């Protein structure tokens, strides 16, 4: 779900998800989104070198 995706991206950005933390904020989501892009880029480059 979108809720799960936002929390997962938030975790990549440093969101801990403790009982009283509430929901991840825009800054944490942005950091997580940037990290996800880095992971995707790295995966793409490794795949290209391995199989291409």
N, C-alpha and C. Protein backbone atom coordinates (compact mmCIF):
# COMPACT_ATOMS: atom_id res chain seq x y z
N UNK A 1 0.83 -1.19 0.00
CA UNK A 1 0.00 0.00 0.00
C UNK A 1 0.87 1.25 0.00
N UNK A 2 0.26 2.39 -0.26
CA UNK A 2 1.00 3.66 -0.25
C UNK A 2 1.52 3.95 1.15
N UNK A 3 0.71 3.65 2.15
CA UNK A 3 1.11 3.86 3.54
C UNK A 3 2.39 3.11 3.86
N UNK A 4 2.45 1.85 3.46
CA UNK A 4 3.64 1.03 3.71
C UNK A 4 4.85 1.55 2.94
N UNK A 5 4.63 2.00 1.72
CA UNK A 5 5.73 2.54 0.91
C UNK A 5 6.30 3.81 1.54
N UNK A 6 5.43 4.68 2.03
CA UNK A 6 5.89 5.92 2.66
C UNK A 6 6.68 5.61 3.92
N UNK A 7 6.22 4.68 4.71
CA UNK A 7 6.95 4.32 5.93
C UNK A 7 8.28 3.66 5.60
N UNK A 8 8.33 2.84 4.55
CA UNK A 8 9.57 2.19 4.14
C UNK A 8 10.58 3.22 3.64
N UNK A 9 10.13 4.15 2.82
CA UNK A 9 11.01 5.22 2.34
C UNK A 9 11.44 6.08 3.52
N UNK A 10 10.54 6.33 4.45
CA UNK A 10 10.89 7.06 5.66
C UNK A 10 11.97 6.35 6.47
N UNK A 11 11.91 5.04 6.53
CA UNK A 11 12.95 4.28 7.24
C UNK A 11 14.29 4.43 6.56
N UNK A 12 14.30 4.48 5.23
CA UNK A 12 15.56 4.71 4.52
C UNK A 12 16.13 6.09 4.86
N UNK A 13 15.24 7.03 5.19
CA UNK A 13 15.66 8.38 5.53
C UNK A 13 15.95 8.59 7.01
N UNK A 14 15.80 7.55 7.81
CA UNK A 14 16.14 7.65 9.22
C UNK A 14 14.96 7.58 10.17
N UNK A 15 13.75 7.40 9.65
CA UNK A 15 12.57 7.28 10.49
C UNK A 15 12.62 5.97 11.25
N UNK A 16 12.44 6.04 12.58
CA UNK A 16 12.55 4.84 13.40
C UNK A 16 11.24 4.09 13.58
N UNK A 17 10.12 4.79 13.47
CA UNK A 17 8.82 4.14 13.56
C UNK A 17 8.47 3.63 14.94
N UNK A 18 8.95 4.31 15.98
CA UNK A 18 8.61 3.89 17.34
C UNK A 18 7.15 4.20 17.65
N UNK A 19 6.68 3.68 18.72
CA UNK A 19 5.26 3.76 19.09
C UNK A 19 4.71 5.19 19.07
N UNK A 20 5.44 6.14 19.60
CA UNK A 20 4.94 7.52 19.72
C UNK A 20 5.57 8.48 18.71
N UNK A 21 6.17 7.97 17.65
CA UNK A 21 6.85 8.83 16.68
C UNK A 21 5.91 9.51 15.69
N UNK A 22 4.71 9.04 15.53
CA UNK A 22 3.82 9.60 14.51
C UNK A 22 4.23 9.10 13.14
N UNK A 23 3.99 9.92 12.14
CA UNK A 23 4.32 9.54 10.76
C UNK A 23 5.58 10.26 10.32
N UNK A 24 6.30 9.72 9.33
CA UNK A 24 7.51 10.37 8.85
C UNK A 24 7.18 11.72 8.20
N UNK A 25 8.03 12.71 8.45
CA UNK A 25 7.84 14.03 7.88
C UNK A 25 8.44 14.14 6.49
N UNK A 26 8.22 15.28 5.87
CA UNK A 26 8.66 15.48 4.49
C UNK A 26 10.19 15.43 4.36
N UNK A 27 10.91 15.94 5.35
CA UNK A 27 12.38 15.93 5.28
C UNK A 27 12.91 14.50 5.31
N UNK A 28 12.36 13.69 6.18
CA UNK A 28 12.78 12.29 6.29
C UNK A 28 12.40 11.52 5.03
N UNK A 29 11.22 11.79 4.50
CA UNK A 29 10.80 11.13 3.26
C UNK A 29 11.72 11.55 2.12
N UNK A 30 12.10 12.82 2.06
CA UNK A 30 13.00 13.29 1.01
C UNK A 30 14.36 12.60 1.11
N UNK A 31 14.89 12.50 2.32
CA UNK A 31 16.18 11.80 2.51
C UNK A 31 16.07 10.34 2.09
N UNK A 32 14.97 9.71 2.46
CA UNK A 32 14.75 8.32 2.07
C UNK A 32 14.62 8.15 0.57
N UNK A 33 13.93 9.09 -0.08
CA UNK A 33 13.77 9.05 -1.53
C UNK A 33 15.12 9.18 -2.22
N UNK A 34 15.97 10.08 -1.72
CA UNK A 34 17.31 10.24 -2.29
C UNK A 34 18.13 8.96 -2.11
N UNK A 35 18.02 8.35 -0.96
CA UNK A 35 18.75 7.11 -0.71
C UNK A 35 18.24 5.99 -1.61
N UNK A 36 16.92 5.93 -1.81
CA UNK A 36 16.35 4.93 -2.71
C UNK A 36 16.86 5.13 -4.14
N UNK A 37 16.98 6.37 -4.57
CA UNK A 37 17.53 6.65 -5.90
C UNK A 37 18.98 6.20 -5.99
N UNK A 38 19.76 6.43 -4.94
CA UNK A 38 21.15 5.96 -4.92
C UNK A 38 21.23 4.44 -5.02
N UNK A 39 20.36 3.76 -4.29
CA UNK A 39 20.33 2.30 -4.32
C UNK A 39 19.96 1.81 -5.72
N UNK A 40 18.95 2.43 -6.34
CA UNK A 40 18.52 2.02 -7.67
C UNK A 40 19.62 2.27 -8.71
N UNK A 41 20.30 3.41 -8.61
CA UNK A 41 21.39 3.72 -9.54
C UNK A 41 22.53 2.73 -9.39
N UNK A 42 22.89 2.42 -8.16
CA UNK A 42 23.96 1.45 -7.91
C UNK A 42 23.59 0.08 -8.47
N UNK A 43 22.35 -0.35 -8.24
CA UNK A 43 21.89 -1.63 -8.75
C UNK A 43 21.97 -1.66 -10.28
N UNK A 44 21.54 -0.57 -10.92
CA UNK A 44 21.59 -0.48 -12.38
C UNK A 44 23.02 -0.57 -12.89
N UNK A 45 23.94 0.15 -12.26
CA UNK A 45 25.33 0.14 -12.70
C UNK A 45 25.98 -1.23 -12.51
N UNK A 46 25.70 -1.87 -11.39
CA UNK A 46 26.25 -3.21 -11.15
C UNK A 46 25.68 -4.20 -12.16
N UNK A 47 24.41 -4.10 -12.44
CA UNK A 47 23.77 -4.99 -13.42
C UNK A 47 24.40 -4.79 -14.80
N UNK A 48 24.64 -3.55 -15.19
CA UNK A 48 25.25 -3.27 -16.49
C UNK A 48 26.65 -3.87 -16.59
N UNK A 49 27.44 -3.74 -15.53
CA UNK A 49 28.81 -4.27 -15.55
C UNK A 49 28.81 -5.80 -15.52
N UNK A 50 27.85 -6.38 -14.85
CA UNK A 50 27.82 -7.83 -14.70
C UNK A 50 27.28 -8.52 -15.95
N UNK A 51 26.21 -7.97 -16.52
CA UNK A 51 25.52 -8.64 -17.62
C UNK A 51 25.66 -7.92 -18.96
N UNK A 52 26.20 -6.70 -18.96
CA UNK A 52 26.17 -5.93 -20.19
C UNK A 52 27.47 -5.79 -20.84
